[in-house]
Amino acid sequence: MATAASRSLLRTTRRLFCTNATPKNNHQNTHKFLEPDSFIGSWETPKTPKEAEAKLARLRREYAKQVQVLRKEYIVEVEALRIEKQRKEEARKEAIRVANEERKKLKAEAAKVRAEERKIEQEEFRKLLLKERAEKLENWRMKEKRQEEKKKVKHELLHRQSSNWIDGRELEKKILEVMVDGTQI
């Protein structure tokens, strides 16, 4: 198993022996160098020190002007790069914002669909409960009705049987006997 140090060394050696120009190093191949400056190596020894001083001052002014021009070009290039980078960053942020909005919209739609499904399921469940309650109520009513009918039948049967037990004529006789003789009760 390779250690972190050996992997790093391997990566470094690959990079050193790589012949392809990577985008990171591509600027080295595409860089345009400036033409050599005319004042380099152009110094000829003047005859008097005053002339030498004037020539040196002129060379310094020319060099300062060239440096000033190069600095202005550099500032313009850096500003252009900054603007380009800023534009890319804004485009990236806009793309992220649009993607977030799209994701939120899809999420909201999915939540809406789930809410609809949940509402439908709740409605079906409520209908099922109402149906079961109605069935239970009907079942209870039928049982009550059967019990009432059984009571009526029993009462009717008892009434018929009791009329068989004691005849109407005999009933009057028995009532009279009980009234006369109260000890039989």
Protein backbone atom coordinates (compact mmCIF):
# COMPACT_ATOMS: atom_id res chain seq x y z
CA MET A 1 0.00 0.00 0.00
CA ALA A 2 1.50 3.32 -1.10
CA THR A 3 2.03 6.03 1.45
CA ALA A 4 1.07 9.65 0.95
CA ALA A 5 4.70 10.69 0.46
CA SER A 6 5.31 8.11 -2.28
CA ARG A 7 2.10 9.12 -4.07
CA SER A 8 3.14 12.77 -3.92
CA LEU A 9 6.60 11.91 -5.27
CA LEU A 10 5.04 9.88 -8.08
CA ARG A 11 2.73 12.77 -8.97
CA THR A 12 5.65 15.21 -9.00
CA THR A 13 7.78 13.01 -11.27
CA ARG A 14 4.88 12.55 -13.68
CA ARG A 15 4.46 16.30 -13.82
CA LEU A 16 8.17 16.82 -14.51
CA PHE A 17 8.25 14.31 -17.38
CA CYS A 18 4.94 15.39 -18.86
CA THR A 19 5.36 16.82 -22.37
CA ASN A 20 1.83 18.07 -22.80
CA ALA A 21 1.23 21.74 -22.15
CA THR A 22 -1.30 21.88 -19.39
CA PRO A 23 -3.75 24.80 -19.31
CA LYS A 24 -2.03 25.97 -16.15
CA ASN A 25 1.33 26.31 -17.97
CA ASN A 26 -0.07 27.14 -21.39
CA HIS A 27 0.65 30.86 -20.94
CA GLN A 28 4.38 30.10 -21.06
CA ASN A 29 3.99 28.75 -24.58
CA THR A 30 1.70 31.51 -25.84
CA HIS A 31 3.43 34.47 -24.16
CA LYS A 32 4.55 37.22 -26.50
CA PHE A 33 7.74 38.90 -25.43
CA LEU A 34 8.39 42.58 -26.09
CA GLU A 35 11.02 43.65 -28.57
CA PRO A 36 14.35 44.52 -27.00
CA ASP A 37 14.54 48.13 -25.92
CA SER A 38 16.56 50.49 -28.06
CA PHE A 39 18.33 52.13 -25.15
CA ILE A 40 19.85 48.87 -23.86
CA GLY A 41 23.40 48.70 -25.17
CA SER A 42 23.05 52.09 -26.84
CA TRP A 43 25.22 53.92 -24.42
CA GLU A 44 28.12 55.60 -26.07
CA THR A 45 30.60 57.31 -23.87
CA PRO A 46 30.03 61.07 -24.04
CA LYS A 47 32.86 63.52 -24.25
CA THR A 48 31.94 65.68 -21.27
CA PRO A 49 30.38 64.79 -17.94
CA LYS A 50 27.65 67.38 -18.49
CA GLU A 51 26.72 65.74 -21.78
CA ALA A 52 26.78 62.34 -20.07
CA GLU A 53 24.49 63.63 -17.33
CA ALA A 54 22.04 65.07 -19.90
CA LYS A 55 22.05 61.82 -21.91
CA LEU A 56 21.52 59.78 -18.75
CA ALA A 57 18.62 62.02 -17.70
CA ARG A 58 17.07 61.66 -21.17
CA LEU A 59 17.42 57.87 -21.02
CA ARG A 60 15.83 57.86 -17.54
CA ARG A 61 12.89 59.99 -18.79
CA GLU A 62 12.38 57.72 -21.80
CA TYR A 63 12.55 54.65 -19.57
CA ALA A 64 10.10 56.23 -17.08
CA LYS A 65 7.71 57.03 -19.95
CA GLN A 66 7.93 53.45 -21.24
CA VAL A 67 7.37 52.08 -17.74
CA GLN A 68 4.40 54.43 -17.33
CA VAL A 69 2.89 53.22 -20.62
CA LEU A 70 3.49 49.59 -19.64
CA ARG A 71 1.88 50.19 -16.24
CA LYS A 72 -1.17 51.75 -17.89
CA GLU A 73 -1.45 48.77 -20.26
CA TYR A 74 -1.06 46.42 -17.30
CA ILE A 75 -3.76 48.26 -15.35
CA VAL A 76 -6.09 48.05 -18.38
CA GLU A 77 -5.37 44.32 -18.76
CA VAL A 78 -5.87 43.65 -15.06
CA GLU A 79 -9.12 45.64 -15.10
CA ALA A 80 -10.31 43.70 -18.16
CA LEU A 81 -9.45 40.42 -16.42
CA ARG A 82 -11.24 41.59 -13.26
CA ILE A 83 -14.33 42.55 -15.27
CA GLU A 84 -14.26 39.21 -17.10
CA LYS A 85 -13.88 37.34 -13.83
CA GLN A 86 -16.70 39.38 -12.28
CA ARG A 87 -18.92 38.68 -15.31
CA LYS A 88 -18.19 34.95 -15.06
CA GLU A 89 -18.91 35.00 -11.32
CA GLU A 90 -22.21 36.82 -11.90
CA ALA A 91 -23.13 34.32 -14.63
CA ARG A 92 -22.28 31.45 -12.29
CA LYS A 93 -24.34 32.99 -9.48
CA GLU A 94 -27.24 33.57 -11.88
CA ALA A 95 -27.04 29.95 -13.04
CA ILE A 96 -27.03 28.78 -9.42
CA ARG A 97 -29.99 31.06 -8.63
CA VAL A 98 -31.95 29.77 -11.64
CA ALA A 99 -31.13 26.16 -10.68
CA ASN A 100 -32.22 26.83 -7.09
CA GLU A 101 -35.46 28.42 -8.26
CA GLU A 102 -36.11 25.46 -10.57
CA ARG A 103 -35.36 23.01 -7.75
CA LYS A 104 -37.63 24.92 -5.37
CA LYS A 105 -40.38 24.99 -8.00
CA LEU A 106 -40.07 21.23 -8.56
CA LYS A 107 -40.03 20.68 -4.81
CA ALA A 108 -43.15 22.82 -4.38
CA GLU A 109 -44.91 20.93 -7.18
CA ALA A 110 -43.96 17.61 -5.60
CA ALA A 111 -45.23 18.84 -2.23
CA LYS A 112 -48.46 19.96 -3.90
CA VAL A 113 -48.89 16.54 -5.53
CA ARG A 114 -48.20 14.81 -2.21
CA ALA A 115 -50.72 17.10 -0.50
CA GLU A 116 -53.33 16.26 -3.16
CA GLU A 117 -52.67 12.54 -2.75
CA ARG A 118 -52.86 12.88 1.04
CA LYS A 119 -56.12 14.83 0.70
CA ILE A 120 -57.58 12.14 -1.57
CA GLU A 121 -56.48 9.39 0.83
CA GLN A 122 -57.98 11.26 3.78
CA GLU A 123 -61.24 11.75 1.88
CA GLU A 124 -61.36 8.04 1.01
CA PHE A 125 -60.59 7.14 4.62
CA ARG A 126 -63.32 9.51 5.85
CA LYS A 127 -65.83 7.97 3.42
CA LEU A 128 -64.79 4.49 4.57
CA LEU A 129 -65.25 5.51 8.21
CA LEU A 130 -68.66 7.02 7.46
CA LYS A 131 -69.66 3.86 5.60
CA GLU A 132 -68.51 1.66 8.50
CA ARG A 133 -70.33 3.87 10.99
CA ALA A 134 -73.49 3.71 8.89
CA GLU A 135 -73.17 -0.08 8.65
CA LYS A 136 -72.64 -0.35 12.41
CA LEU A 137 -75.60 1.94 13.06
CA GLU A 138 -77.77 -0.09 10.69
CA ASN A 139 -76.55 -3.31 12.31
CA TRP A 140 -77.33 -1.89 15.77
CA ARG A 141 -80.80 -0.80 14.62
CA MET A 142 -81.48 -4.22 13.15
CA LYS A 143 -80.40 -5.86 16.41
CA GLU A 144 -82.58 -3.48 18.41
CA LYS A 145 -85.48 -4.16 16.06
CA ARG A 146 -84.96 -7.93 16.39
CA GLN A 147 -84.78 -7.62 20.15
CA GLU A 148 -87.94 -5.53 20.15
CA GLU A 149 -89.66 -8.08 17.91
CA LYS A 150 -88.51 -10.91 20.17
CA LYS A 151 -89.87 -9.04 23.16
CA LYS A 152 -93.15 -8.45 21.36
CA VAL A 153 -93.35 -12.11 20.31
CA LYS A 154 -92.47 -13.21 23.83
CA HIS A 155 -94.97 -10.79 25.30
CA GLU A 156 -97.61 -11.91 22.82
CA LEU A 157 -96.84 -15.54 23.56
CA LEU A 158 -96.95 -14.88 27.29
CA HIS A 159 -100.21 -13.00 26.87
CA ARG A 160 -101.69 -15.91 24.92
CA GLN A 161 -100.42 -18.45 27.40
CA SER A 162 -101.68 -16.42 30.33
CA SER A 163 -105.10 -16.21 28.75
CA ASN A 164 -105.01 -20.00 28.52
CA TRP A 165 -104.04 -20.38 32.15
CA ILE A 166 -106.93 -18.53 33.55
CA ASP A 167 -110.20 -18.22 31.78
CA GLY A 168 -112.04 -14.90 31.90
CA ARG A 169 -114.97 -16.44 33.87
CA GLU A 170 -112.68 -18.20 36.22
CA LEU A 171 -110.65 -15.03 36.72
CA GLU A 172 -113.67 -13.23 38.14
CA LYS A 173 -114.37 -16.14 40.37
CA LYS A 174 -110.78 -16.26 41.63
CA ILE A 175 -110.70 -12.49 42.21
CA LEU A 176 -113.90 -12.77 44.25
CA GLU A 177 -112.49 -15.65 46.24
CA VAL A 178 -109.28 -13.76 46.98
CA MET A 179 -111.25 -10.73 48.10
CA VAL A 180 -113.38 -12.80 50.40
CA ASP A 181 -110.60 -15.02 51.66
CA GLY A 182 -107.43 -12.87 51.85
CA THR A 183 -105.29 -15.61 53.44
CA GLN A 184 -104.82 -17.61 50.22
CA ILE A 185 -102.63 -15.08 48.68
